[in-house]
Protein backbone atom coordinates (compact mmCIF):
# COMPACT_ATOMS: atom_id res chain seq x y z
CA UNK A 1 -10.00 -17.40 10.94
CA UNK A 2 -7.56 -14.41 11.10
CA UNK A 3 -4.35 -14.29 9.10
CA UNK A 4 -1.34 -12.27 8.00
CA UNK A 5 -0.64 -11.38 4.36
CA UNK A 6 2.93 -9.97 4.51
CA UNK A 7 3.96 -7.74 1.64
CA UNK A 8 6.82 -5.12 0.86
CA UNK A 9 7.83 -1.99 -1.20
CA UNK A 10 8.64 1.79 -1.30
CA UNK A 11 5.05 2.86 -1.50
CA UNK A 12 2.60 -0.08 -1.03
CA UNK A 13 0.82 0.63 -4.36
CA UNK A 14 0.01 -3.16 -5.02
CA UNK A 15 -0.98 -3.75 -1.42
CA UNK A 16 -3.31 -0.75 -1.35
CA UNK A 17 -4.94 -1.51 -4.74
CA UNK A 18 -5.55 -5.02 -4.01
CA UNK A 19 -6.52 -5.07 -0.31
CA UNK A 20 -7.90 -1.65 0.26
CA UNK A 21 -10.07 -1.38 -2.82
CA UNK A 22 -12.16 -3.70 -4.89
CA UNK A 23 -9.88 -2.96 -7.98
CA UNK A 24 -9.14 -6.62 -8.32
CA UNK A 25 -12.22 -8.19 -6.45
CA UNK A 26 -10.85 -8.98 -3.20
CA UNK A 27 -14.31 -9.84 -1.59
CA UNK A 28 -15.11 -12.04 -4.58
CA UNK A 29 -11.77 -13.91 -4.38
CA UNK A 30 -11.69 -14.17 -0.56
CA UNK A 31 -15.38 -14.20 0.59
CA UNK A 32 -15.83 -13.64 4.33
CA UNK A 33 -12.42 -11.90 4.87
CA UNK A 34 -11.92 -8.28 5.72
CA UNK A 35 -8.47 -6.95 4.72
CA UNK A 36 -6.68 -4.22 6.64
CA UNK A 37 -3.42 -2.76 5.46
CA UNK A 38 -1.03 -1.71 8.29
CA UNK A 39 0.65 1.69 8.24
CA UNK A 40 3.27 3.43 10.43
CA UNK A 41 1.57 5.03 13.49
CA UNK A 42 3.08 8.43 12.57
CA UNK A 43 0.51 8.79 9.73
CA UNK A 44 -2.47 8.43 12.05
CA UNK A 45 -1.43 11.74 13.81
CA UNK A 46 -1.57 13.76 10.63
CA UNK A 47 -4.93 15.71 10.43
CA UNK A 48 -7.23 14.84 7.58
CA UNK A 49 -4.83 12.40 6.08
CA UNK A 50 -5.61 10.09 9.05
CA UNK A 51 -9.28 10.15 8.07
CA UNK A 52 -8.54 9.54 4.54
CA UNK A 53 -6.44 6.33 5.14
CA UNK A 54 -8.86 5.10 7.78
CA UNK A 55 -11.70 5.16 5.17
CA UNK A 56 -9.65 2.77 3.16
CA UNK A 57 -9.60 0.28 6.07
CA UNK A 58 -5.85 1.12 7.06
CA UNK A 59 -4.89 0.54 10.68
CA UNK A 60 -1.78 1.47 12.78
CA UNK A 61 1.04 -1.11 12.58
CA UNK A 62 1.56 -0.83 16.42
CA UNK A 63 1.70 -4.12 18.26
CA UNK A 64 -1.67 -3.39 20.05
CA UNK A 65 -3.50 -2.80 16.96
CA UNK A 66 -2.05 -5.75 15.12
CA UNK A 67 -2.89 -7.97 18.20
CA UNK A 68 -6.50 -6.63 18.33
CA UNK A 69 -6.92 -7.50 14.60
CA UNK A 70 -5.72 -11.16 14.66
CA UNK A 71 -7.25 -12.08 18.11
CA UNK A 72 -10.92 -11.34 17.26
CA UNK A 73 -12.96 -14.39 18.26
CA UNK A 74 -15.32 -13.90 15.26
CA UNK A 75 -12.32 -14.27 12.89
CA UNK A 76 -12.29 -13.00 9.21
CA UNK A 77 -9.68 -10.39 9.61
CA UNK A 78 -6.63 -10.19 7.31
CA UNK A 79 -3.72 -8.15 8.49
CA UNK A 80 -1.64 -6.96 5.47
CA UNK A 81 1.92 -6.05 6.55
CA UNK A 82 4.92 -4.72 4.85
CA UNK A 83 7.42 -6.78 6.93
CA UNK A 84 10.44 -4.79 6.24
CA UNK A 85 8.80 -1.63 7.50
CA UNK A 86 10.29 1.82 7.41
CA UNK A 87 13.88 0.72 6.98
CA UNK A 88 13.13 -1.49 4.00
CA UNK A 89 11.80 1.46 1.96
CA UNK A 90 15.34 2.81 1.90
CA UNK A 91 16.54 -0.32 0.23
CA UNK A 92 13.49 -0.98 -1.97
CA UNK A 93 15.01 -2.06 -5.27
CA UNK A 94 14.29 -5.08 -7.35
CA UNK A 95 15.75 -8.31 -5.97
CA UNK A 96 16.14 -7.96 -2.25
CA UNK A 97 13.76 -8.36 0.72
CA UNK A 98 14.33 -7.17 4.35
CA UNK A 99 13.20 -10.37 5.97
CA UNK A 100 16.19 -12.18 7.28
CA UNK A 101 15.84 -10.82 10.91
CA UNK A 102 12.15 -9.79 10.74
CA UNK A 103 10.47 -12.18 13.25
CA UNK A 104 8.02 -10.10 15.29
CA UNK A 105 5.12 -10.90 12.94
CA UNK A 106 5.91 -14.53 13.47
CA UNK A 107 5.80 -14.33 17.18
CA UNK A 108 2.43 -12.51 17.02
CA UNK A 109 1.01 -15.08 14.59
CA UNK A 110 1.98 -17.79 17.08
CA UNK A 111 0.52 -16.03 20.03
CA UNK A 112 -2.87 -15.56 18.44
CA UNK A 113 -3.00 -18.54 16.25
CA UNK A 114 -3.24 -16.47 12.92
CA UNK A 115 -2.26 -18.17 9.74
CA UNK A 116 0.63 -16.90 7.78
CA UNK A 117 0.01 -16.25 4.10
CA UNK A 118 3.08 -15.40 1.79
CA UNK A 119 2.46 -12.66 -0.83
CA UNK A 120 4.75 -11.22 -3.45
CA UNK A 121 3.89 -8.27 -5.79
CA UNK A 122 5.91 -8.51 -9.06
CA UNK A 123 6.58 -5.05 -10.46
CA UNK A 124 6.20 -3.16 -7.31
CA UNK A 125 9.74 -1.70 -7.11
CA UNK A 126 9.77 -0.79 -10.78
CA UNK A 127 7.16 1.95 -10.33
CA UNK A 128 9.84 4.32 -9.00
CA UNK A 129 13.56 4.94 -9.27
CA UNK A 130 15.33 5.72 -5.89
CA UNK A 131 18.34 7.87 -5.45
CA UNK A 132 21.50 5.90 -4.49
CA UNK A 133 21.86 5.82 -0.79
CA UNK A 134 24.39 3.08 0.10
CA UNK A 135 25.15 2.51 3.77
CA UNK A 136 27.47 5.09 5.13
CA UNK A 137 26.71 7.71 2.49
CA UNK A 138 25.72 11.27 3.59
CA UNK A 139 22.12 10.75 2.27
CA UNK A 140 21.70 7.43 4.08
CA UNK A 141 22.98 8.91 7.36
CA UNK A 142 20.49 11.68 6.99
CA UNK A 143 17.63 9.36 6.20
CA UNK A 144 18.59 7.16 9.12
CA UNK A 145 18.61 10.15 11.33
CA UNK A 146 15.18 11.31 10.33
CA UNK A 147 13.74 7.85 10.74
CA UNK A 148 15.14 7.69 14.30
CA UNK A 149 13.51 10.93 15.11
CA UNK A 150 10.18 10.74 13.17
CA UNK A 151 9.67 6.90 13.08
CA UNK A 152 9.16 6.87 9.28
CA UNK A 153 11.73 6.67 6.45
CA UNK A 154 11.96 9.30 3.71
CA UNK A 155 13.18 7.70 0.47
CA UNK A 156 13.96 9.97 -2.34
CA UNK A 157 12.36 8.61 -5.33
CA UNK A 158 11.21 9.87 -8.77
CA UNK A 159 9.43 8.48 -11.84
CA UNK A 160 7.59 10.50 -14.58
CA UNK A 161 5.51 13.57 -14.98
CA UNK A 162 2.12 14.18 -16.49
CA UNK A 163 3.19 15.12 -19.94
CA UNK A 164 6.79 13.85 -19.91
CA UNK A 165 8.44 10.52 -19.00
CA UNK A 166 11.93 11.80 -17.76
CA UNK A 167 10.97 13.12 -14.22
CA UNK A 168 8.20 13.50 -11.69
CA UNK A 169 6.38 11.81 -8.96
CA UNK A 170 3.77 9.80 -10.86
CA UNK A 171 4.77 6.13 -11.08
CA UNK A 172 6.03 4.64 -14.26
CA UNK A 173 3.43 2.78 -16.36
CA UNK A 174 4.28 -0.61 -15.10
CA UNK A 175 1.93 -3.52 -14.19
CA UNK A 176 1.91 -4.87 -10.61
CA UNK A 177 1.04 -8.66 -10.40
CA UNK A 178 0.30 -9.72 -6.79
CA UNK A 179 0.40 -13.36 -6.03
CA UNK A 180 -1.08 -14.97 -2.85
CA UNK A 181 0.40 -18.23 -1.49
CA UNK A 182 -1.19 -20.99 0.41
CA UNK A 183 -1.80 -20.28 4.15
CA UNK A 184 0.69 -21.75 6.56
CA UNK A 185 -1.28 -23.25 9.47
CA UNK A 186 -0.16 -21.97 12.82
CA UNK A 187 -1.35 -23.43 16.18
CA UNK A 188 -1.84 -21.01 18.94
CA UNK A 189 1.00 -20.76 21.35
CA UNK A 190 0.62 -18.06 24.00
CA UNK A 191 4.31 -18.22 24.95
CA UNK A 192 6.17 -19.28 21.75
CA UNK A 193 9.78 -20.25 22.27
CA UNK A 194 12.75 -19.01 20.22
CA UNK A 195 12.91 -22.35 18.38
CA UNK A 196 9.07 -22.08 17.46
CA UNK A 197 9.67 -18.53 16.07
CA UNK A 198 12.71 -19.70 14.13
CA UNK A 199 11.03 -22.74 12.68
CA UNK A 200 7.93 -20.77 11.38
CA UNK A 201 10.17 -17.95 10.05
CA UNK A 202 12.08 -20.52 8.03
CA UNK A 203 9.03 -22.12 6.88
CA UNK A 204 7.52 -18.67 5.78
CA UNK A 205 10.80 -17.75 3.81
CA UNK A 206 10.75 -21.03 2.13
CA UNK A 207 7.19 -20.71 1.05
CA UNK A 208 7.83 -17.11 -0.13
CA UNK A 209 10.73 -18.39 -2.23
CA UNK A 210 8.60 -21.24 -3.80
CA UNK A 211 5.84 -18.64 -4.56
CA UNK A 212 8.41 -16.42 -6.29
CA UNK A 213 10.05 -19.21 -8.24
CA UNK A 214 6.74 -20.78 -9.35
CA UNK A 215 5.52 -17.38 -10.81
CA UNK A 216 8.55 -15.44 -11.95
CA UNK A 217 8.71 -16.47 -15.47
CA UNK A 218 4.94 -15.64 -16.07
CA UNK A 219 5.66 -11.99 -15.01
CA UNK A 220 8.63 -11.16 -16.99
CA UNK A 221 11.63 -12.34 -14.75
CA UNK A 222 14.45 -14.48 -16.00
CA UNK A 223 15.19 -18.04 -14.92
CA UNK A 224 18.51 -16.91 -13.14
CA UNK A 225 16.69 -14.24 -11.04
CA UNK A 226 16.18 -15.27 -7.40
CA UNK A 227 15.00 -13.76 -4.05
CA UNK A 228 17.73 -12.47 -1.66
CA UNK A 229 16.95 -11.95 2.02
CA UNK A 230 18.79 -9.16 3.92
């Protein structure tokens, strides 16, 4: 079968390590499946970098590429998608997910009968600190403008250096724990209605909440911490 594994963050470090490499034994844990991390089409126009990311199995997040992946009759493809996309990177801080109005991946899953699999990486957004960029601020306006022109977002983040821990671009020494939930069965619906999309979107969000609640205490979060969808 084909399926989605939606994820999220500033830099998809957890998704890359887990689904583009064998660092955590993906092929052993999910035999018969081939994972493909989706990335913004812009990066596939950058010489040399394009070849590097394609070696890791990354593919364009364009609608045509995604449809090709999850419609293969032989099955076995896993599309790993950061649902919030470029805009979410600008808000990527602990506690909030840009998912409330993100329904395009639900529609494609219904059209091709691809299962939906909720995924959450604990610690992903603790790898870097991002400069304050509230809506309406000069920095946020500049970032939104660049995003509209280039198709990518440019979050200003920092972490540590090689020999010091106060400033740099190397991620902090924080563990990332990625948990994979149960697949949500999806029946193929060539022309899904708005009601169908809303239903499965709600089911997906509820499953993601349950996955978070079931695992948060095991990975250093407090009982009163909950997911917020924006």
